[in-house]
Amino acid sequence: MMAAMTDTPFRLSEPFTHENLTLRLIHGPDTFDGTRFMPLAEALQARSVLVHETGEVGQLEVENLSEHLDLYIQAGDIVKGGRQDRTLGVDLVLPARSGRVPIPSFCVERGRWHRRANEDATHFSSSDMHLAGKKLRMAAKLGRSQAEVWRRIADSQQALAASLGEEVCHKVSPSSYQLTREHEGIQRRRGEFHARLGGLVSDRADAVGYLFEVNGALSSADVYGSHVLFLKLWDKLLDAAILEALEESGQPQRKGALDTAAEIRPWLDSPESGDLVRREPVPPRVELITRRTDHSVRFDTHDQALGTLLHRSLITN
């Protein structure tokens, strides 16, 4: 039996709002030492991991080169390079000196199957971004449909172009979700949101997650068993929330099916809420459990080596 993430209820912070995006931090105790984990972006920057191109769209291989630290990959992490940009399909933990381990992936750059500019076609160079938008994340995490991922990326590009009032697809690779995210106009708007919301977690030592609302309706929540791990992931998580807000810019305010303060609490605190969709091992040490209700889907990532819940993610319908 896996240990609960916490024996005391999580506490939600006051809301923080900029334009159509509202955030609340989730506060709770640590249940494991987050300093033992390297997120993928940090590990790639430190050259402590190799993400190998396999020549198969739906699978890559990851190798943790660190002598001491565990590698943490979060479903939705985008890797840039190879024969085409990909997003990784599951949460994964790799111990130090892991060797090459397969991980499912989805193409987020339809059409390219060759080296791009001066990038390495055999490996991936960076992972600075995360899938954004409920429908796109659901296509990858729940439906696991490549066709639906492509469709939702096209929808995202169209919505962002409408929001900014300019084309956001890159001429080098118009289908690339990564290159769209690097668009100058999107990065400028990202900076505006970060200036208002980016510093929220710096002085809150018990913050272990966050939730966000777009146009007044709850979208998603992510909570971890460690403040340190959450802090390492914060920029990527915030970026995904900002992008969803930009996609929905100009849309009317709405009331979601879940009340943020009251109805989300069972999803945070109760391991058995909702109907079981799937329970699956992700070698070498993760078990994923997916549950759903009429209003949302929850994804739990258990680290079997630590005997605890590592990450809980909620996405509303």
Protein backbone atom coordinates (compact mmCIF):
# COMPACT_ATOMS: atom_id res chain seq x y z
CA MET A 1 0.00 0.00 0.00
CA MET A 2 1.39 3.38 -1.00
CA ALA A 3 1.62 6.07 1.63
CA ALA A 4 -0.75 9.01 1.33
CA MET A 5 0.76 12.24 0.10
CA THR A 6 -0.28 13.85 3.34
CA ASP A 7 -2.25 12.93 6.46
CA THR A 8 -3.55 16.49 6.87
CA PRO A 9 -5.74 18.39 4.41
CA PHE A 10 -4.08 20.59 1.86
CA ARG A 11 -4.57 24.33 2.28
CA LEU A 12 -5.37 26.62 -0.64
CA SER A 13 -3.88 30.10 -0.76
CA GLU A 14 -5.69 33.29 -1.62
CA PRO A 15 -6.18 33.82 -5.36
CA PHE A 16 -3.63 35.69 -7.48
CA THR A 17 -4.93 37.11 -10.76
CA HIS A 18 -3.47 38.68 -13.87
CA GLU A 19 -5.84 39.34 -16.76
CA ASN A 20 -7.89 36.14 -17.31
CA LEU A 21 -5.58 33.82 -15.31
CA THR A 22 -6.09 33.15 -11.59
CA LEU A 23 -3.71 30.99 -9.55
CA ARG A 24 -3.96 29.47 -6.08
CA LEU A 25 -1.02 27.79 -4.41
CA ILE A 26 -1.55 24.45 -2.66
CA HIS A 27 0.19 24.19 0.71
CA GLY A 28 1.09 20.99 2.55
CA PRO A 29 3.96 19.06 4.17
CA ASP A 30 6.79 17.33 2.33
CA THR A 31 6.61 13.54 2.14
CA PHE A 32 9.99 12.97 0.45
CA ASP A 33 13.28 14.77 -0.16
CA GLY A 34 12.93 16.69 -3.39
CA THR A 35 16.64 17.46 -3.62
CA ARG A 36 17.24 13.89 -4.81
CA PHE A 37 15.36 14.59 -8.08
CA MET A 38 16.47 16.37 -11.27
CA PRO A 39 13.64 17.47 -13.57
CA LEU A 40 14.28 16.83 -17.24
CA ALA A 41 14.99 20.46 -18.19
CA GLU A 42 17.62 20.79 -15.47
CA ALA A 43 19.20 17.45 -16.33
CA LEU A 44 19.48 18.29 -20.05
CA GLN A 45 21.04 21.64 -19.24
CA ALA A 46 23.58 19.93 -16.97
CA ARG A 47 24.18 17.18 -19.56
CA SER A 48 23.19 14.61 -16.97
CA VAL A 49 20.68 12.89 -19.26
CA LEU A 50 20.49 11.70 -22.84
CA VAL A 51 17.18 11.55 -24.67
CA HIS A 52 17.76 9.27 -27.64
CA GLU A 53 15.98 9.38 -30.99
CA THR A 54 14.86 5.83 -31.83
CA GLY A 55 13.45 6.38 -35.30
CA GLU A 56 9.98 5.53 -33.95
CA VAL A 57 7.51 8.39 -33.55
CA GLY A 58 5.81 6.79 -30.56
CA GLN A 59 8.85 5.88 -28.48
CA LEU A 60 12.09 7.47 -27.35
CA GLU A 61 14.77 6.23 -24.94
CA VAL A 62 16.04 8.12 -21.90
CA GLU A 63 19.29 7.57 -20.04
CA ASN A 64 20.11 9.10 -16.64
CA LEU A 65 23.87 9.74 -16.57
CA SER A 66 23.98 11.14 -13.04
CA GLU A 67 26.00 9.29 -10.42
CA HIS A 68 23.69 10.18 -7.54
CA LEU A 69 20.43 11.90 -8.55
CA ASP A 70 17.13 10.47 -9.75
CA LEU A 71 15.68 11.87 -12.97
CA TYR A 72 12.05 12.99 -12.96
CA ILE A 73 10.16 13.31 -16.25
CA GLN A 74 6.61 14.66 -16.23
CA ALA A 75 4.06 13.65 -18.84
CA GLY A 76 3.75 16.54 -21.26
CA ASP A 77 7.43 17.53 -21.16
CA ILE A 78 8.43 18.63 -24.68
CA VAL A 79 11.85 17.68 -26.04
CA LYS A 80 13.34 19.72 -28.88
CA GLY A 81 15.50 18.23 -31.64
CA GLY A 82 15.83 14.70 -32.97
CA ARG A 83 14.04 13.98 -36.23
CA GLN A 84 10.99 15.84 -34.91
CA ASP A 85 10.03 17.49 -31.63
CA ARG A 86 8.15 15.19 -29.24
CA THR A 87 6.20 15.29 -26.02
CA LEU A 88 6.74 12.52 -23.47
CA GLY A 89 3.68 10.49 -22.64
CA VAL A 90 4.03 9.42 -18.99
CA ASP A 91 5.57 10.45 -15.69
CA LEU A 92 8.83 8.54 -15.27
CA VAL A 93 11.53 8.22 -12.60
CA LEU A 94 14.97 6.93 -13.56
CA PRO A 95 17.60 6.16 -10.91
CA ALA A 96 21.22 7.21 -11.26
CA ARG A 97 23.17 5.43 -14.02
CA SER A 98 19.92 3.95 -15.32
CA GLY A 99 20.99 2.86 -18.78
CA ARG A 100 18.63 3.39 -21.71
CA VAL A 101 14.95 3.09 -20.82
CA PRO A 102 12.04 3.40 -23.30
CA ILE A 103 9.35 6.02 -22.84
CA PRO A 104 6.22 6.57 -24.97
CA SER A 105 6.11 9.83 -26.93
CA PHE A 106 3.96 11.83 -29.34
CA CYS A 107 5.00 13.99 -32.26
CA VAL A 108 4.38 17.71 -31.75
CA GLU A 109 5.86 18.68 -35.12
CA ARG A 110 3.95 17.02 -37.92
CA GLY A 111 5.87 16.59 -41.16
CA ARG A 112 9.57 16.91 -40.26
CA TRP A 113 11.61 13.70 -40.16
CA HIS A 114 15.14 15.02 -40.59
CA ARG A 115 17.77 17.16 -38.89
CA ARG A 116 16.67 20.77 -38.36
CA ALA A 117 19.37 23.45 -38.88
CA ASN A 118 22.35 22.69 -36.62
CA GLU A 119 20.47 20.42 -34.20
CA ASP A 120 21.45 16.82 -33.47
CA ALA A 121 19.10 14.39 -35.20
CA THR A 122 20.08 11.53 -32.85
CA HIS A 123 19.39 13.29 -29.52
CA PHE A 124 17.25 16.05 -28.02
CA SER A 125 18.84 19.21 -26.75
CA SER A 126 16.36 20.86 -24.38
CA SER A 127 13.03 20.53 -22.59
CA ASP A 128 11.99 24.03 -21.57
CA MET A 129 8.27 23.72 -22.29
CA HIS A 130 5.27 21.63 -21.33
CA LEU A 131 2.02 20.82 -23.11
CA ALA A 132 -0.62 23.47 -22.42
CA GLY A 133 -4.38 23.44 -22.73
CA LYS A 134 -6.78 20.91 -21.26
CA LYS A 135 -7.78 19.29 -24.54
CA LEU A 136 -4.21 18.85 -25.74
CA ARG A 137 -3.06 17.41 -22.43
CA MET A 138 -6.05 15.04 -22.34
CA ALA A 139 -5.28 13.89 -25.89
CA ALA A 140 -1.79 12.84 -24.80
CA LYS A 141 -2.35 11.68 -21.20
CA LEU A 142 -5.80 10.08 -21.35
CA GLY A 143 -6.69 9.37 -24.98
CA ARG A 144 -3.09 8.73 -26.05
CA SER A 145 -4.04 9.57 -29.62
CA GLN A 146 -1.42 10.94 -32.01
CA ALA A 147 -4.08 12.20 -34.42
CA GLU A 148 -5.85 14.04 -31.61
CA VAL A 149 -2.55 15.56 -30.40
CA TRP A 150 -1.93 16.95 -33.89
CA ARG A 151 -5.48 18.30 -34.09
CA ARG A 152 -5.26 20.02 -30.72
CA ILE A 153 -1.89 21.58 -31.60
CA ALA A 154 -3.43 23.06 -34.75
CA ASP A 155 -6.31 24.40 -32.62
CA SER A 156 -3.80 25.93 -30.20
CA GLN A 157 -1.86 27.64 -32.98
CA GLN A 158 -5.08 29.06 -34.41
CA ALA A 159 -6.24 30.34 -31.01
CA LEU A 160 -2.86 31.94 -30.26
CA ALA A 161 -2.79 33.65 -33.66
CA ALA A 162 -6.24 35.09 -32.97
CA SER A 163 -5.19 36.21 -29.49
CA LEU A 164 -2.03 37.96 -30.68
CA GLY A 165 -3.47 39.18 -33.97
CA GLU A 166 -0.55 37.76 -35.95
CA GLU A 167 0.74 34.50 -37.40
CA VAL A 168 2.50 32.32 -34.81
CA CYS A 169 3.63 29.36 -36.96
CA HIS A 170 7.36 29.36 -37.76
CA LYS A 171 8.28 29.31 -41.45
CA VAL A 172 11.07 26.77 -40.83
CA SER A 173 8.53 24.26 -39.51
CA PRO A 174 4.93 25.57 -39.44
CA SER A 175 3.60 22.53 -37.61
CA SER A 176 6.12 22.76 -34.74
CA TYR A 177 4.42 23.39 -31.40
CA GLN A 178 7.82 24.11 -29.87
CA LEU A 179 8.68 26.82 -32.42
CA THR A 180 5.21 28.35 -32.04
CA ARG A 181 5.84 28.61 -28.30
CA GLU A 182 9.11 30.40 -29.06
CA HIS A 183 7.30 33.07 -31.11
CA GLU A 184 8.41 36.58 -30.11
CA GLY A 185 4.89 37.81 -29.43
CA ILE A 186 4.07 34.83 -27.21
CA GLN A 187 7.33 35.25 -25.32
CA ARG A 188 6.59 38.94 -24.78
CA ARG A 189 3.15 38.16 -23.34
CA ARG A 190 4.67 35.33 -21.28
CA GLY A 191 7.06 37.85 -19.73
CA GLU A 192 4.18 40.10 -18.72
CA PHE A 193 2.44 37.28 -16.85
CA HIS A 194 5.68 36.06 -15.27
CA ALA A 195 6.43 39.55 -13.97
CA ARG A 196 3.14 39.48 -12.04
CA LEU A 197 2.91 35.83 -11.02
CA GLY A 198 6.36 34.25 -11.30
CA GLY A 199 7.57 35.18 -7.82
CA LEU A 200 4.62 33.70 -5.90
CA VAL A 201 6.41 30.56 -4.70
CA SER A 202 9.78 32.02 -3.74
CA ASP A 203 8.92 32.84 -0.11
CA ARG A 204 6.32 30.11 0.53
CA ALA A 205 8.29 27.16 1.84
CA ASP A 206 5.26 24.88 2.26
CA ALA A 207 3.87 25.38 -1.28
CA VAL A 208 3.74 21.94 -2.93
CA GLY A 209 1.49 22.65 -5.90
CA TYR A 210 -0.91 24.99 -7.61
CA LEU A 211 -4.21 25.17 -9.42
CA PHE A 212 -5.37 27.66 -11.97
CA GLU A 213 -8.57 29.08 -13.42
CA VAL A 214 -8.97 30.59 -16.88
CA ASN A 215 -11.86 33.00 -17.47
CA GLY A 216 -13.27 32.09 -14.06
CA ALA A 217 -13.39 28.31 -14.50
CA LEU A 218 -11.06 25.79 -12.87
CA SER A 219 -8.76 24.17 -15.46
CA SER A 220 -6.02 22.11 -13.81
CA ALA A 221 -4.12 21.38 -10.63
CA ASP A 222 -0.74 19.80 -9.92
CA VAL A 223 0.54 18.85 -6.49
CA TYR A 224 3.79 17.14 -5.43
CA GLY A 225 5.15 15.50 -2.29
CA SER A 226 7.96 18.06 -2.09
CA HIS A 227 8.24 21.84 -2.11
CA VAL A 228 11.72 21.60 -3.65
CA LEU A 229 10.51 19.51 -6.59
CA PHE A 230 7.54 21.84 -7.14
CA LEU A 231 9.88 24.84 -7.08
CA LYS A 232 12.12 23.23 -9.72
CA LEU A 233 9.10 22.70 -11.99
CA TRP A 234 7.40 26.04 -11.33
CA ASP A 235 8.49 27.98 -14.42
CA LYS A 236 7.34 25.21 -16.75
CA LEU A 237 4.03 24.80 -14.95
CA LEU A 238 3.36 28.53 -14.96
CA ASP A 239 4.22 28.76 -18.66
CA ALA A 240 1.60 26.12 -19.47
CA ALA A 241 -1.04 28.01 -17.49
CA ILE A 242 -0.10 31.28 -19.21
CA LEU A 243 -0.36 29.72 -22.66
CA GLU A 244 -3.82 28.36 -21.90
CA ALA A 245 -4.87 31.81 -20.71
CA LEU A 246 -3.54 33.36 -23.93
CA GLU A 247 -5.44 30.81 -26.01
CA GLU A 248 -8.66 31.72 -24.17
CA SER A 249 -8.04 35.47 -24.19
CA GLY A 250 -11.13 37.38 -25.26
CA GLN A 251 -13.51 34.54 -24.39
CA PRO A 252 -16.32 35.27 -21.89
CA GLN A 253 -16.09 34.55 -18.18
CA ARG A 254 -17.64 31.23 -17.27
CA LYS A 255 -18.44 29.09 -14.27
CA GLY A 256 -16.90 25.65 -14.29
CA ALA A 257 -18.46 22.40 -13.09
CA LEU A 258 -16.05 22.21 -10.15
CA ASP A 259 -16.10 24.80 -7.39
CA THR A 260 -12.44 25.62 -6.84
CA ALA A 261 -12.38 25.94 -3.05
CA ALA A 262 -14.80 23.17 -2.09
CA GLU A 263 -15.12 20.44 -4.67
CA ILE A 264 -11.44 20.11 -5.55
CA ARG A 265 -10.55 19.04 -2.02
CA PRO A 266 -11.63 15.39 -2.36
CA TRP A 267 -9.39 15.08 -5.43
CA LEU A 268 -6.46 16.41 -3.47
CA ASP A 269 -7.01 14.46 -0.27
CA SER A 270 -8.77 11.20 -1.15
CA PRO A 271 -6.94 8.46 -3.08
CA GLU A 272 -10.15 6.64 -4.06
CA SER A 273 -12.23 9.51 -5.50
CA GLY A 274 -13.65 8.72 -8.93
CA ASP A 275 -13.91 5.60 -11.10
CA LEU A 276 -10.74 3.71 -11.94
CA VAL A 277 -9.74 4.11 -15.60
CA ARG A 278 -6.37 2.38 -15.60
CA ARG A 279 -3.60 1.21 -13.30
CA GLU A 280 -0.27 0.58 -15.00
CA PRO A 281 3.40 0.08 -14.17
CA VAL A 282 5.99 2.32 -15.80
CA PRO A 283 9.34 0.58 -15.23
CA PRO A 284 11.62 0.78 -13.45
CA ARG A 285 9.76 2.19 -10.40
CA VAL A 286 6.58 4.15 -11.20
CA GLU A 287 2.94 3.09 -11.04
CA LEU A 288 0.33 5.33 -12.68
CA ILE A 289 -3.30 5.36 -11.53
CA THR A 290 -5.95 7.24 -13.50
CA ARG A 291 -9.44 7.99 -12.12
CA ARG A 292 -12.29 10.10 -13.47
CA THR A 293 -15.62 11.64 -12.54
CA ASP A 294 -18.18 13.44 -14.68
CA HIS A 295 -16.18 16.65 -14.31
CA SER A 296 -12.49 15.78 -14.25
CA VAL A 297 -9.69 13.24 -14.54
CA ARG A 298 -6.99 12.66 -11.93
CA PHE A 299 -3.58 11.13 -12.63
CA ASP A 300 -1.56 9.78 -9.68
CA THR A 301 2.13 8.94 -9.99
CA HIS A 302 3.42 6.58 -7.30
CA ASP A 303 7.15 6.14 -6.75
CA GLN A 304 7.36 2.53 -5.63
CA ALA A 305 10.98 2.84 -4.50
CA LEU A 306 10.07 5.63 -2.07
CA GLY A 307 6.68 4.15 -1.24
CA THR A 308 4.85 7.44 -1.70
CA LEU A 309 2.77 9.52 -4.07
CA LEU A 310 5.12 11.67 -6.13
CA HIS A 311 2.71 13.73 -8.27
CA ARG A 312 -1.05 14.21 -8.51
CA SER A 313 -2.50 15.97 -11.55
CA LEU A 314 -6.11 17.03 -12.05
CA ILE A 315 -7.55 18.15 -15.40
CA THR A 316 -11.18 19.24 -15.65
CA ASN A 317 -13.40 18.37 -18.60
